[in-house]
Amino acid sequence: MKTTPWDTSELLDTEEEIAMYLSVVFEEGDPEGIAMAIGHVAKARSMTEIAKRAGISRKQLYRALQEGGDPNVITLADVMSSLGVKPTAESTKPRKVGRKAAVPSNKRVG
């Protein structure tokens, strides 16, 4: 039986697919997986063009986003910006219900 290697970047055709893919990977929270997923998206969009927009060489981009590449935060932020993707943050702690936040008042009592 002949098999072909799996290339995730070939399946990322639309902005919605890319956003869903990155959302799932970010939710899993594995830093190496996040870097690799960003690499898949960069490959789907043209590594050369993304590297150019991010201000790094194509070789540096490949190295940073490969398995075990350990890119720094600045590189990830630059690449994500070049991809037109923004990271978002969401609390993992449940929201407290029933407590109202104290609202400062400028009125004097008395």
N, C-alpha and C. Protein backbone atom coordinates (compact mmCIF):
# COMPACT_ATOMS: atom_id res chain seq x y z
N MET A 1 0.84 -1.17 0.00
CA MET A 1 0.00 0.00 0.00
C MET A 1 0.90 1.24 0.00
N LYS A 2 0.58 2.18 -0.86
CA LYS A 2 1.35 3.41 -0.95
C LYS A 2 0.61 4.52 -0.19
N THR A 3 1.34 5.23 0.64
CA THR A 3 0.74 6.35 1.37
C THR A 3 1.46 7.64 0.99
N THR A 4 0.77 8.73 1.19
CA THR A 4 1.38 10.04 0.94
C THR A 4 1.41 10.82 2.25
N PRO A 5 2.42 11.64 2.43
CA PRO A 5 2.50 12.42 3.67
C PRO A 5 1.32 13.39 3.79
N TRP A 6 0.89 13.60 5.02
CA TRP A 6 -0.21 14.53 5.31
C TRP A 6 0.34 15.94 5.35
N ASP A 7 -0.28 16.86 4.63
CA ASP A 7 0.16 18.25 4.63
C ASP A 7 -1.04 19.13 4.98
N THR A 8 -1.10 19.53 6.24
CA THR A 8 -2.22 20.33 6.73
C THR A 8 -2.39 21.61 5.93
N SER A 9 -1.30 22.21 5.49
CA SER A 9 -1.38 23.49 4.78
C SER A 9 -2.22 23.39 3.51
N GLU A 10 -2.32 22.20 2.92
CA GLU A 10 -3.12 22.03 1.71
C GLU A 10 -4.62 22.11 1.98
N LEU A 11 -5.01 22.00 3.23
CA LEU A 11 -6.44 22.01 3.59
C LEU A 11 -6.92 23.37 4.07
N LEU A 12 -6.02 24.34 4.16
CA LEU A 12 -6.36 25.66 4.70
C LEU A 12 -6.60 26.64 3.56
N ASP A 13 -7.80 26.58 3.00
CA ASP A 13 -8.10 27.37 1.81
C ASP A 13 -8.78 28.70 2.10
N THR A 14 -9.57 28.76 3.16
CA THR A 14 -10.34 29.98 3.42
C THR A 14 -9.95 30.60 4.76
N GLU A 15 -10.30 31.86 4.92
CA GLU A 15 -10.04 32.55 6.18
C GLU A 15 -10.76 31.87 7.34
N GLU A 16 -11.96 31.37 7.09
CA GLU A 16 -12.73 30.69 8.14
C GLU A 16 -12.05 29.40 8.57
N GLU A 17 -11.53 28.62 7.61
CA GLU A 17 -10.83 27.38 7.95
C GLU A 17 -9.57 27.67 8.76
N ILE A 18 -8.86 28.70 8.36
CA ILE A 18 -7.64 29.08 9.08
C ILE A 18 -7.98 29.51 10.50
N ALA A 19 -9.00 30.34 10.66
CA ALA A 19 -9.39 30.81 11.99
C ALA A 19 -9.84 29.65 12.88
N MET A 20 -10.63 28.73 12.34
CA MET A 20 -11.09 27.59 13.12
C MET A 20 -9.90 26.70 13.52
N TYR A 21 -9.01 26.46 12.59
CA TYR A 21 -7.84 25.63 12.86
C TYR A 21 -6.99 26.23 13.97
N LEU A 22 -6.66 27.52 13.85
CA LEU A 22 -5.84 28.17 14.87
C LEU A 22 -6.56 28.23 16.22
N SER A 23 -7.87 28.44 16.20
CA SER A 23 -8.63 28.48 17.46
C SER A 23 -8.53 27.15 18.21
N VAL A 24 -8.67 26.05 17.48
CA VAL A 24 -8.59 24.73 18.10
C VAL A 24 -7.20 24.50 18.67
N VAL A 25 -6.18 24.85 17.90
CA VAL A 25 -4.80 24.63 18.35
C VAL A 25 -4.48 25.50 19.57
N PHE A 26 -4.92 26.77 19.55
CA PHE A 26 -4.69 27.64 20.70
C PHE A 26 -5.43 27.12 21.92
N GLU A 27 -6.62 26.58 21.73
CA GLU A 27 -7.38 26.05 22.86
C GLU A 27 -6.67 24.86 23.49
N GLU A 28 -6.00 24.05 22.68
CA GLU A 28 -5.26 22.91 23.22
C GLU A 28 -4.08 23.38 24.07
N GLY A 29 -3.51 24.54 23.73
CA GLY A 29 -2.50 25.17 24.56
C GLY A 29 -1.09 24.62 24.49
N ASP A 30 -0.77 23.77 23.54
CA ASP A 30 0.58 23.23 23.41
C ASP A 30 1.44 24.22 22.61
N PRO A 31 2.45 24.83 23.23
CA PRO A 31 3.26 25.84 22.54
C PRO A 31 3.89 25.35 21.23
N GLU A 32 4.39 24.12 21.24
CA GLU A 32 4.99 23.59 20.01
C GLU A 32 3.92 23.39 18.94
N GLY A 33 2.75 22.94 19.35
CA GLY A 33 1.64 22.76 18.41
C GLY A 33 1.18 24.09 17.82
N ILE A 34 1.19 25.13 18.64
CA ILE A 34 0.82 26.47 18.17
C ILE A 34 1.80 26.95 17.12
N ALA A 35 3.09 26.81 17.40
CA ALA A 35 4.11 27.23 16.44
C ALA A 35 3.97 26.45 15.13
N MET A 36 3.75 25.14 15.23
CA MET A 36 3.61 24.34 14.02
C MET A 36 2.36 24.73 13.24
N ALA A 37 1.26 25.02 13.94
CA ALA A 37 0.02 25.42 13.27
C ALA A 37 0.20 26.75 12.53
N ILE A 38 0.89 27.69 13.18
CA ILE A 38 1.17 28.96 12.51
C ILE A 38 2.04 28.71 11.28
N GLY A 39 2.95 27.76 11.39
CA GLY A 39 3.75 27.37 10.23
C GLY A 39 2.92 26.78 9.11
N HIS A 40 1.92 25.96 9.45
CA HIS A 40 1.03 25.41 8.43
C HIS A 40 0.28 26.53 7.70
N VAL A 41 -0.19 27.50 8.48
CA VAL A 41 -0.92 28.62 7.86
C VAL A 41 0.03 29.45 6.99
N ALA A 42 1.24 29.70 7.49
CA ALA A 42 2.21 30.46 6.70
C ALA A 42 2.53 29.74 5.39
N LYS A 43 2.66 28.42 5.46
CA LYS A 43 2.93 27.65 4.25
C LYS A 43 1.75 27.72 3.28
N ALA A 44 0.55 27.68 3.82
CA ALA A 44 -0.65 27.78 2.97
C ALA A 44 -0.73 29.13 2.28
N ARG A 45 -0.18 30.16 2.91
CA ARG A 45 -0.24 31.52 2.37
C ARG A 45 1.01 31.94 1.62
N SER A 46 2.08 31.16 1.62
CA SER A 46 3.36 31.44 0.98
C SER A 46 4.38 31.87 2.02
N MET A 47 5.23 30.94 2.38
CA MET A 47 6.28 31.19 3.37
C MET A 47 7.14 32.39 2.98
N THR A 48 7.47 32.48 1.72
CA THR A 48 8.34 33.57 1.26
C THR A 48 7.70 34.92 1.52
N GLU A 49 6.43 35.04 1.17
CA GLU A 49 5.72 36.31 1.35
C GLU A 49 5.53 36.64 2.83
N ILE A 50 5.18 35.65 3.63
CA ILE A 50 4.97 35.87 5.06
C ILE A 50 6.29 36.25 5.72
N ALA A 51 7.37 35.58 5.37
CA ALA A 51 8.69 35.92 5.93
C ALA A 51 9.06 37.35 5.58
N LYS A 52 8.80 37.73 4.35
CA LYS A 52 9.13 39.09 3.90
C LYS A 52 8.34 40.12 4.71
N ARG A 53 7.03 39.88 4.87
CA ARG A 53 6.19 40.81 5.64
C ARG A 53 6.57 40.85 7.11
N ALA A 54 7.03 39.71 7.65
CA ALA A 54 7.40 39.63 9.06
C ALA A 54 8.81 40.18 9.31
N GLY A 55 9.55 40.44 8.23
CA GLY A 55 10.89 41.00 8.39
C GLY A 55 11.96 40.00 8.76
N ILE A 56 11.75 38.73 8.41
CA ILE A 56 12.75 37.70 8.67
C ILE A 56 12.99 36.91 7.38
N SER A 57 14.07 36.15 7.36
CA SER A 57 14.33 35.35 6.17
C SER A 57 13.41 34.13 6.14
N ARG A 58 13.22 33.61 4.95
CA ARG A 58 12.38 32.42 4.77
C ARG A 58 12.97 31.26 5.59
N LYS A 59 14.29 31.14 5.57
CA LYS A 59 14.98 30.08 6.30
C LYS A 59 14.73 30.21 7.81
N GLN A 60 14.80 31.45 8.34
CA GLN A 60 14.53 31.68 9.76
C GLN A 60 13.10 31.30 10.11
N LEU A 61 12.18 31.65 9.22
CA LEU A 61 10.76 31.35 9.45
C LEU A 61 10.55 29.84 9.51
N TYR A 62 11.08 29.12 8.54
CA TYR A 62 10.96 27.65 8.56
C TYR A 62 11.55 27.07 9.84
N ARG A 63 12.73 27.54 10.22
CA ARG A 63 13.42 27.03 11.41
C ARG A 63 12.59 27.31 12.67
N ALA A 64 12.05 28.51 12.77
CA ALA A 64 11.29 28.89 13.97
C ALA A 64 10.00 28.09 14.11
N LEU A 65 9.36 27.75 12.99
CA LEU A 65 8.04 27.14 13.05
C LEU A 65 8.04 25.63 12.84
N GLN A 66 9.20 25.04 12.73
CA GLN A 66 9.26 23.58 12.60
C GLN A 66 9.17 22.92 13.96
N GLU A 67 8.97 21.63 13.99
CA GLU A 67 8.91 20.89 15.25
C GLU A 67 10.20 21.12 16.03
N GLY A 68 10.08 21.54 17.27
CA GLY A 68 11.23 21.82 18.11
C GLY A 68 11.89 23.16 17.83
N GLY A 69 11.24 24.01 17.02
CA GLY A 69 11.83 25.28 16.61
C GLY A 69 11.89 26.34 17.69
N ASP A 70 10.97 26.35 18.62
CA ASP A 70 10.96 27.28 19.75
C ASP A 70 11.08 28.75 19.33
N PRO A 71 10.11 29.27 18.57
CA PRO A 71 10.17 30.68 18.16
C PRO A 71 9.93 31.60 19.35
N ASN A 72 10.47 32.82 19.28
CA ASN A 72 10.21 33.76 20.36
C ASN A 72 8.87 34.47 20.12
N VAL A 73 8.41 35.14 21.13
CA VAL A 73 7.11 35.79 21.07
C VAL A 73 7.06 36.85 19.98
N ILE A 74 8.14 37.57 19.81
CA ILE A 74 8.18 38.63 18.79
C ILE A 74 8.01 38.03 17.40
N THR A 75 8.71 36.93 17.14
CA THR A 75 8.58 36.27 15.84
C THR A 75 7.14 35.82 15.62
N LEU A 76 6.54 35.17 16.62
CA LEU A 76 5.15 34.72 16.48
C LEU A 76 4.21 35.90 16.25
N ALA A 77 4.40 36.98 16.99
CA ALA A 77 3.53 38.16 16.83
C ALA A 77 3.69 38.75 15.43
N ASP A 78 4.92 38.86 14.94
CA ASP A 78 5.16 39.40 13.60
C ASP A 78 4.56 38.52 12.52
N VAL A 79 4.72 37.22 12.66
CA VAL A 79 4.17 36.28 11.67
C VAL A 79 2.65 36.31 11.70
N MET A 80 2.06 36.30 12.89
CA MET A 80 0.60 36.34 12.99
C MET A 80 0.06 37.63 12.38
N SER A 81 0.72 38.74 12.63
CA SER A 81 0.31 40.00 12.04
C SER A 81 0.40 39.93 10.52
N SER A 82 1.47 39.33 10.01
CA SER A 82 1.65 39.18 8.57
C SER A 82 0.59 38.27 7.96
N LEU A 83 0.09 37.34 8.75
CA LEU A 83 -0.96 36.43 8.28
C LEU A 83 -2.35 37.08 8.36
N GLY A 84 -2.43 38.23 9.03
CA GLY A 84 -3.73 38.86 9.21
C GLY A 84 -4.55 38.19 10.29
N VAL A 85 -3.86 37.59 11.27
CA VAL A 85 -4.51 36.86 12.36
C VAL A 85 -4.14 37.53 13.66
N LYS A 86 -5.12 37.68 14.55
CA LYS A 86 -4.80 38.26 15.86
C LYS A 86 -5.11 37.25 16.95
N PRO A 87 -4.22 37.18 17.93
CA PRO A 87 -4.49 36.29 19.05
C PRO A 87 -5.53 36.93 19.97
N THR A 88 -6.30 36.11 20.62
CA THR A 88 -7.26 36.61 21.59
C THR A 88 -7.06 35.85 22.90
N ALA A 89 -7.50 36.45 23.97
CA ALA A 89 -7.37 35.81 25.28
C ALA A 89 -8.76 35.60 25.87
N GLU A 90 -8.91 34.49 26.54
CA GLU A 90 -10.17 34.16 27.18
C GLU A 90 -9.84 33.50 28.51
N SER A 91 -10.53 33.88 29.55
CA SER A 91 -10.27 33.31 30.86
C SER A 91 -10.64 31.83 30.89
N THR A 92 -9.82 31.06 31.55
CA THR A 92 -10.12 29.64 31.71
C THR A 92 -10.82 29.37 33.04
N LYS A 93 -10.92 30.42 33.85
CA LYS A 93 -11.59 30.28 35.14
C LYS A 93 -13.08 30.61 34.97
N PRO A 94 -13.94 29.89 35.67
CA PRO A 94 -15.36 30.20 35.58
C PRO A 94 -15.67 31.59 36.13
N ARG A 95 -16.60 32.25 35.52
CA ARG A 95 -17.00 33.59 35.95
C ARG A 95 -17.84 33.49 37.21
N LYS A 96 -17.54 34.34 38.17
CA LYS A 96 -18.33 34.36 39.40
C LYS A 96 -19.68 34.99 39.12
N VAL A 97 -20.71 34.35 39.62
CA VAL A 97 -22.07 34.83 39.40
C VAL A 97 -22.61 35.38 40.71
N GLY A 98 -23.35 36.47 40.62
CA GLY A 98 -24.02 37.00 41.80
C GLY A 98 -23.27 38.08 42.54
N ARG A 99 -22.04 38.32 42.18
CA ARG A 99 -21.27 39.39 42.84
C ARG A 99 -21.21 40.58 41.91
N LYS A 100 -21.55 41.72 42.45
CA LYS A 100 -21.47 42.95 41.66
C LYS A 100 -20.16 43.64 41.97
N ALA A 101 -19.58 44.20 40.97
CA ALA A 101 -18.34 44.95 41.18
C ALA A 101 -18.67 46.27 41.85
N ALA A 102 -17.80 46.69 42.71
CA ALA A 102 -17.99 47.97 43.37
C ALA A 102 -17.83 49.08 42.34
N VAL A 103 -18.79 50.00 42.31
CA VAL A 103 -18.73 51.11 41.38
C VAL A 103 -18.44 52.36 42.18
N PRO A 104 -17.33 53.03 41.88
CA PRO A 104 -17.01 54.24 42.64
C PRO A 104 -18.06 55.32 42.38
N SER A 105 -18.34 56.07 43.41
CA SER A 105 -19.33 57.12 43.31
C SER A 105 -18.68 58.46 43.66
N ASN A 106 -19.01 59.47 42.90
CA ASN A 106 -18.49 60.79 43.16
C ASN A 106 -19.39 61.59 44.12
N LYS A 107 -20.51 60.99 44.53
CA LYS A 107 -21.44 61.67 45.42
C LYS A 107 -21.00 61.49 46.86
N ARG A 108 -21.15 62.54 47.62
CA ARG A 108 -20.88 62.47 49.06
C ARG A 108 -22.13 62.03 49.79
N VAL A 109 -21.91 61.23 50.77
CA VAL A 109 -23.02 60.76 51.59
C VAL A 109 -23.02 61.59 52.87
N GLY A 110 -24.20 62.02 53.29
CA GLY A 110 -24.24 62.72 54.56
C GLY A 110 -24.98 63.95 54.59
